[in-house]
Amino acid sequence: MSLQKQRYFWVILFFIMILAAFILPFTSLMNELYKVYGAFLFWNLFAIVVIICLGLITAKWRDDDER
């Protein structure tokens, strides 16, 4: 995959995650959970997904001088 396609992929993925952070807590998907437990579960899972994605991005990050 070219660098430009990778950038588009990560931008779209983070855009979807940001939208999910604003939309999912207010949908019927979380209505059946208790408020505190539902919010705790959602934000922990959201944080783990974001940390993993950032780890994947930075794992391949290199300076041009190090080649």
PDB file of N, CA and C in Angstrom:
ATOM      1  N   MET A   1       0.851  -1.173   0.000  1.00  0.00           N
ATOM      2  CA  MET A   1       0.000   0.000   0.000  1.00  0.00           C
ATOM      3  C   MET A   1       0.897   1.237   0.000  1.00  0.00           C
ATOM      4  N   SER A   2       0.568   2.188  -0.830  1.00  0.00           N
ATOM      5  CA  SER A   2       1.388   3.396  -0.908  1.00  0.00           C
ATOM      6  C   SER A   2       1.195   4.253   0.343  1.00  0.00           C
ATOM      7  N   LEU A   3       2.131   5.144   0.549  1.00  0.00           N
ATOM      8  CA  LEU A   3       2.078   6.019   1.716  1.00  0.00           C
ATOM      9  C   LEU A   3       0.837   6.895   1.695  1.00  0.00           C
ATOM     10  N   GLN A   4       0.464   7.366   0.529  1.00  0.00           N
ATOM     11  CA  GLN A   4      -0.725   8.221   0.418  1.00  0.00           C
ATOM     12  C   GLN A   4      -1.990   7.448   0.786  1.00  0.00           C
ATOM     13  N   LYS A   5      -2.104   6.199   0.351  1.00  0.00           N
ATOM     14  CA  LYS A   5      -3.268   5.367   0.699  1.00  0.00           C
ATOM     15  C   LYS A   5      -3.286   5.058   2.187  1.00  0.00           C
ATOM     16  N   GLN A   6      -2.115   4.837   2.778  1.00  0.00           N
ATOM     17  CA  GLN A   6      -2.047   4.591   4.219  1.00  0.00           C
ATOM     18  C   GLN A   6      -2.521   5.812   4.991  1.00  0.00           C
ATOM     19  N   ARG A   7      -2.124   6.982   4.540  1.00  0.00           N
ATOM     20  CA  ARG A   7      -2.560   8.209   5.212  1.00  0.00           C
ATOM     21  C   ARG A   7      -4.071   8.358   5.141  1.00  0.00           C
ATOM     22  N   TYR A   8      -4.641   8.121   3.956  1.00  0.00           N
ATOM     23  CA  TYR A   8      -6.097   8.205   3.826  1.00  0.00           C
ATOM     24  C   TYR A   8      -6.789   7.195   4.737  1.00  0.00           C
ATOM     25  N   PHE A   9      -6.240   5.979   4.793  1.00  0.00           N
ATOM     26  CA  PHE A   9      -6.815   4.947   5.653  1.00  0.00           C
ATOM     27  C   PHE A   9      -6.841   5.397   7.117  1.00  0.00           C
ATOM     28  N   TRP A  10      -5.700   5.906   7.615  1.00  0.00           N
ATOM     29  CA  TRP A  10      -5.635   6.301   9.021  1.00  0.00           C
ATOM     30  C   TRP A  10      -6.487   7.535   9.301  1.00  0.00           C
ATOM     31  N   VAL A  11      -6.554   8.467   8.366  1.00  0.00           N
ATOM     32  CA  VAL A  11      -7.402   9.653   8.564  1.00  0.00           C
ATOM     33  C   VAL A  11      -8.866   9.242   8.634  1.00  0.00           C
ATOM     34  N   ILE A  12      -9.290   8.373   7.727  1.00  0.00           N
ATOM     35  CA  ILE A  12     -10.682   7.918   7.739  1.00  0.00           C
ATOM     36  C   ILE A  12     -10.975   7.121   9.001  1.00  0.00           C
ATOM     37  N   LEU A  13     -10.039   6.253   9.402  1.00  0.00           N
ATOM     38  CA  LEU A  13     -10.243   5.457  10.614  1.00  0.00           C
ATOM     39  C   LEU A  13     -10.373   6.344  11.852  1.00  0.00           C
ATOM     40  N   PHE A  14      -9.512   7.353  11.984  1.00  0.00           N
ATOM     41  CA  PHE A  14      -9.602   8.233  13.140  1.00  0.00           C
ATOM     42  C   PHE A  14     -10.846   9.111  13.081  1.00  0.00           C
ATOM     43  N   PHE A  15     -11.269   9.489  11.891  1.00  0.00           N
ATOM     44  CA  PHE A  15     -12.512  10.243  11.753  1.00  0.00           C
ATOM     45  C   PHE A  15     -13.699   9.402  12.227  1.00  0.00           C
ATOM     46  N   ILE A  16     -13.711   8.124  11.852  1.00  0.00           N
ATOM     47  CA  ILE A  16     -14.774   7.219  12.298  1.00  0.00           C
ATOM     48  C   ILE A  16     -14.725   7.043  13.813  1.00  0.00           C
ATOM     49  N   MET A  17     -13.527   6.925  14.380  1.00  0.00           N
ATOM     50  CA  MET A  17     -13.412   6.771  15.835  1.00  0.00           C
ATOM     51  C   MET A  17     -13.886   8.026  16.570  1.00  0.00           C
ATOM     52  N   ILE A  18     -13.585   9.191  16.028  1.00  0.00           N
ATOM     53  CA  ILE A  18     -14.040  10.432  16.662  1.00  0.00           C
ATOM     54  C   ILE A  18     -15.559  10.530  16.591  1.00  0.00           C
ATOM     55  N   LEU A  19     -16.128  10.189  15.442  1.00  0.00           N
ATOM     56  CA  LEU A  19     -17.586  10.180  15.338  1.00  0.00           C
ATOM     57  C   LEU A  19     -18.201   9.179  16.313  1.00  0.00           C
ATOM     58  N   ALA A  20     -17.580   8.012  16.435  1.00  0.00           N
ATOM     59  CA  ALA A  20     -18.085   7.001  17.368  1.00  0.00           C
ATOM     60  C   ALA A  20     -18.031   7.508  18.804  1.00  0.00           C
ATOM     61  N   ALA A  21     -17.007   8.272  19.134  1.00  0.00           N
ATOM     62  CA  ALA A  21     -16.888   8.799  20.494  1.00  0.00           C
ATOM     63  C   ALA A  21     -18.016   9.766  20.822  1.00  0.00           C
ATOM     64  N   PHE A  22     -18.520  10.458  19.819  1.00  0.00           N
ATOM     65  CA  PHE A  22     -19.609  11.399  20.046  1.00  0.00           C
ATOM     66  C   PHE A  22     -20.983  10.764  19.896  1.00  0.00           C
ATOM     67  N   ILE A  23     -21.117   9.766  19.031  1.00  0.00           N
ATOM     68  CA  ILE A  23     -22.433   9.212  18.707  1.00  0.00           C
ATOM     69  C   ILE A  23     -22.791   7.987  19.541  1.00  0.00           C
ATOM     70  N   LEU A  24     -21.891   7.036  19.683  1.00  0.00           N
ATOM     71  CA  LEU A  24     -22.207   5.769  20.347  1.00  0.00           C
ATOM     72  C   LEU A  24     -22.728   5.896  21.777  1.00  0.00           C
ATOM     73  N   PRO A  25     -22.197   6.770  22.600  1.00  0.00           N
ATOM     74  CA  PRO A  25     -22.725   6.820  23.968  1.00  0.00           C
ATOM     75  C   PRO A  25     -24.197   7.232  24.051  1.00  0.00           C
ATOM     76  N   PHE A  26     -24.731   7.831  23.010  1.00  0.00           N
ATOM     77  CA  PHE A  26     -26.109   8.312  23.046  1.00  0.00           C
ATOM     78  C   PHE A  26     -27.065   7.446  22.248  1.00  0.00           C
ATOM     79  N   THR A  27     -26.606   6.312  21.740  1.00  0.00           N
ATOM     80  CA  THR A  27     -27.466   5.435  20.956  1.00  0.00           C
ATOM     81  C   THR A  27     -28.098   4.377  21.843  1.00  0.00           C
ATOM     82  N   SER A  28     -28.983   3.616  21.235  1.00  0.00           N
ATOM     83  CA  SER A  28     -29.674   2.565  21.987  1.00  0.00           C
ATOM     84  C   SER A  28     -28.772   1.377  22.275  1.00  0.00           C
ATOM     85  N   LEU A  29     -27.585   1.330  21.695  1.00  0.00           N
ATOM     86  CA  LEU A  29     -26.664   0.227  21.963  1.00  0.00           C
ATOM     87  C   LEU A  29     -26.242   0.178  23.421  1.00  0.00           C
ATOM     88  N   MET A  30     -26.220   1.340  24.065  1.00  0.00           N
ATOM     89  CA  MET A  30     -25.751   1.392  25.449  1.00  0.00           C
ATOM     90  C   MET A  30     -26.873   1.685  26.447  1.00  0.00           C
ATOM     91  N   ASN A  31     -28.111   1.706  26.003  1.00  0.00           N
ATOM     92  CA  ASN A  31     -29.221   2.003  26.903  1.00  0.00           C
ATOM     93  C   ASN A  31     -29.469   0.892  27.919  1.00  0.00           C
ATOM     94  N   GLU A  32     -29.149  -0.334  27.572  1.00  0.00           N
ATOM     95  CA  GLU A  32     -29.419  -1.446  28.471  1.00  0.00           C
ATOM     96  C   GLU A  32     -28.373  -1.586  29.576  1.00  0.00           C
ATOM     97  N   LEU A  33     -27.257  -0.902  29.452  1.00  0.00           N
ATOM     98  CA  LEU A  33     -26.216  -0.940  30.471  1.00  0.00           C
ATOM     99  C   LEU A  33     -26.465   0.152  31.496  1.00  0.00           C
ATOM    100  N   TYR A  34     -26.033  -0.107  32.711  1.00  0.00           N
ATOM    101  CA  TYR A  34     -26.102   0.954  33.704  1.00  0.00           C
ATOM    102  C   TYR A  34     -25.218   2.102  33.256  1.00  0.00           C
ATOM    103  N   LYS A  35     -25.598   3.303  33.580  1.00  0.00           N
ATOM    104  CA  LYS A  35     -24.904   4.491  33.064  1.00  0.00           C
ATOM    105  C   LYS A  35     -23.412   4.478  33.382  1.00  0.00           C
ATOM    106  N   VAL A  36     -23.057   4.229  34.639  1.00  0.00           N
ATOM    107  CA  VAL A  36     -21.649   4.287  35.022  1.00  0.00           C
ATOM    108  C   VAL A  36     -20.865   3.151  34.375  1.00  0.00           C
ATOM    109  N   TYR A  37     -21.410   1.940  34.408  1.00  0.00           N
ATOM    110  CA  TYR A  37     -20.696   0.803  33.836  1.00  0.00           C
ATOM    111  C   TYR A  37     -20.593   0.918  32.322  1.00  0.00           C
ATOM    112  N   GLY A  38     -21.638   1.382  31.682  1.00  0.00           N
ATOM    113  CA  GLY A  38     -21.619   1.550  30.233  1.00  0.00           C
ATOM    114  C   GLY A  38     -20.595   2.571  29.793  1.00  0.00           C
ATOM    115  N   ALA A  39     -20.561   3.706  30.479  1.00  0.00           N
ATOM    116  CA  ALA A  39     -19.588   4.741  30.129  1.00  0.00           C
ATOM    117  C   ALA A  39     -18.172   4.259  30.408  1.00  0.00           C
ATOM    118  N   PHE A  40     -17.970   3.593  31.531  1.00  0.00           N
ATOM    119  CA  PHE A  40     -16.644   3.079  31.879  1.00  0.00           C
ATOM    120  C   PHE A  40     -16.176   2.077  30.838  1.00  0.00           C
ATOM    121  N   LEU A  41     -17.047   1.162  30.450  1.00  0.00           N
ATOM    122  CA  LEU A  41     -16.706   0.149  29.463  1.00  0.00           C
ATOM    123  C   LEU A  41     -16.403   0.796  28.112  1.00  0.00           C
ATOM    124  N   PHE A  42     -17.269   1.692  27.666  1.00  0.00           N
ATOM    125  CA  PHE A  42     -17.070   2.315  26.359  1.00  0.00           C
ATOM    126  C   PHE A  42     -15.770   3.089  26.289  1.00  0.00           C
ATOM    127  N   TRP A  43     -15.495   3.937  27.277  1.00  0.00           N
ATOM    128  CA  TRP A  43     -14.300   4.781  27.200  1.00  0.00           C
ATOM    129  C   TRP A  43     -13.025   3.981  27.376  1.00  0.00           C
ATOM    130  N   ASN A  44     -13.074   2.896  28.136  1.00  0.00           N
ATOM    131  CA  ASN A  44     -11.891   2.034  28.231  1.00  0.00           C
ATOM    132  C   ASN A  44     -11.613   1.322  26.907  1.00  0.00           C
ATOM    133  N   LEU A  45     -12.648   0.774  26.291  1.00  0.00           N
ATOM    134  CA  LEU A  45     -12.462   0.115  24.998  1.00  0.00           C
ATOM    135  C   LEU A  45     -12.033   1.111  23.931  1.00  0.00           C
ATOM    136  N   PHE A  46     -12.623   2.291  23.954  1.00  0.00           N
ATOM    137  CA  PHE A  46     -12.252   3.333  22.996  1.00  0.00           C
ATOM    138  C   PHE A  46     -10.784   3.721  23.162  1.00  0.00           C
ATOM    139  N   ALA A  47     -10.349   3.891  24.387  1.00  0.00           N
ATOM    140  CA  ALA A  47      -8.958   4.267  24.646  1.00  0.00           C
ATOM    141  C   ALA A  47      -7.997   3.164  24.204  1.00  0.00           C
ATOM    142  N   ILE A  48      -8.350   1.922  24.441  1.00  0.00           N
ATOM    143  CA  ILE A  48      -7.494   0.807  24.026  1.00  0.00           C
ATOM    144  C   ILE A  48      -7.366   0.760  22.508  1.00  0.00           C
ATOM    145  N   VAL A  49      -8.471   0.944  21.800  1.00  0.00           N
ATOM    146  CA  VAL A  49      -8.443   0.930  20.330  1.00  0.00           C
ATOM    147  C   VAL A  49      -7.577   2.071  19.802  1.00  0.00           C
ATOM    148  N   VAL A  50      -7.717   3.263  20.369  1.00  0.00           N
ATOM    149  CA  VAL A  50      -6.925   4.410  19.924  1.00  0.00           C
ATOM    150  C   VAL A  50      -5.442   4.186  20.219  1.00  0.00           C
ATOM    151  N   ILE A  51      -5.119   3.656  21.382  1.00  0.00           N
ATOM    152  CA  ILE A  51      -3.717   3.394  21.731  1.00  0.00           C
ATOM    153  C   ILE A  51      -3.106   2.365  20.787  1.00  0.00           C
ATOM    154  N   ILE A  52      -3.851   1.325  20.459  1.00  0.00           N
ATOM    155  CA  ILE A  52      -3.351   0.307  19.526  1.00  0.00           C
ATOM    156  C   ILE A  52      -3.122   0.918  18.148  1.00  0.00           C
ATOM    157  N   CYS A  53      -4.071   1.729  17.685  1.00  0.00           N
ATOM    158  CA  CYS A  53      -3.912   2.369  16.367  1.00  0.00           C
ATOM    159  C   CYS A  53      -2.707   3.304  16.352  1.00  0.00           C
ATOM    160  N   LEU A  54      -2.528   4.074  17.384  1.00  0.00           N
ATOM    161  CA  LEU A  54      -1.364   4.965  17.442  1.00  0.00           C
ATOM    162  C   LEU A  54      -0.066   4.172  17.515  1.00  0.00           C
ATOM    163  N   GLY A  55      -0.090   3.048  18.206  1.00  0.00           N
ATOM    164  CA  GLY A  55       1.088   2.187  18.259  1.00  0.00           C
ATOM    165  C   GLY A  55       1.433   1.617  16.892  1.00  0.00           C
ATOM    166  N   LEU A  56       0.419   1.233  16.129  1.00  0.00           N
ATOM    167  CA  LEU A  56       0.656   0.722  14.783  1.00  0.00           C
ATOM    168  C   LEU A  56       1.220   1.804  13.871  1.00  0.00           C
ATOM    169  N   ILE A  57       0.717   3.020  14.014  1.00  0.00           N
ATOM    170  CA  ILE A  57       1.219   4.120  13.179  1.00  0.00           C
ATOM    171  C   ILE A  57       2.670   4.426  13.519  1.00  0.00           C
ATOM    172  N   THR A  58       2.983   4.552  14.786  1.00  0.00           N
ATOM    173  CA  THR A  58       4.335   4.956  15.182  1.00  0.00           C
ATOM    174  C   THR A  58       5.347   3.817  15.087  1.00  0.00           C
ATOM    175  N   ALA A  59       4.902   2.572  15.013  1.00  0.00           N
ATOM    176  CA  ALA A  59       5.835   1.450  14.900  1.00  0.00           C
ATOM    177  C   ALA A  59       6.602   1.495  13.583  1.00  0.00           C
ATOM    178  N   LYS A  60       5.992   2.023  12.540  1.00  0.00           N
ATOM    179  CA  LYS A  60       6.637   2.079  11.227  1.00  0.00           C
ATOM    180  C   LYS A  60       7.230   3.451  10.930  1.00  0.00           C
ATOM    181  N   TRP A  61       7.218   4.323  11.883  1.00  0.00           N
ATOM    182  CA  TRP A  61       7.688   5.685  11.691  1.00  0.00           C
ATOM    183  C   TRP A  61       9.215   5.707  11.754  1.00  0.00           C
ATOM    184  N   ARG A  62       9.855   6.196  10.720  1.00  0.00           N
ATOM    185  CA  ARG A  62      11.318   6.259  10.663  1.00  0.00           C
ATOM    186  C   ARG A  62      11.735   7.584  10.050  1.00  0.00           C
ATOM    187  N   ASP A  63      12.907   8.030  10.466  1.00  0.00           N
ATOM    188  CA  ASP A  63      13.507   9.199   9.832  1.00  0.00           C
ATOM    189  C   ASP A  63      14.219   8.757   8.565  1.00  0.00           C
ATOM    190  N   ASP A  64      14.326   9.642   7.620  1.00  0.00           N
ATOM    191  CA  ASP A  64      15.019   9.320   6.370  1.00  0.00           C
ATOM    192  C   ASP A  64      16.518   9.112   6.607  1.00  0.00           C
ATOM    193  N   ASP A  65      17.071   9.706   7.653  1.00  0.00           N
ATOM    194  CA  ASP A  65      18.506   9.612   7.934  1.00  0.00           C
ATOM    195  C   ASP A  65      18.907   8.235   8.456  1.00  0.00           C
ATOM    196  N   GLU A  66      17.973   7.459   8.987  1.00  0.00           N
ATOM    197  CA  GLU A  66      18.302   6.191   9.632  1.00  0.00           C
ATOM    198  C   GLU A  66      18.398   5.030   8.657  1.00  0.00           C
ATOM    199  N   ARG A  67      18.171   5.222   7.401  1.00  0.00           N
ATOM    200  CA  ARG A  67      18.201   4.122   6.431  1.00  0.00           C
ATOM    201  C   ARG A  67      19.553   3.710   6.125  1.00  0.00           C
TER     202      ARG A  67
END
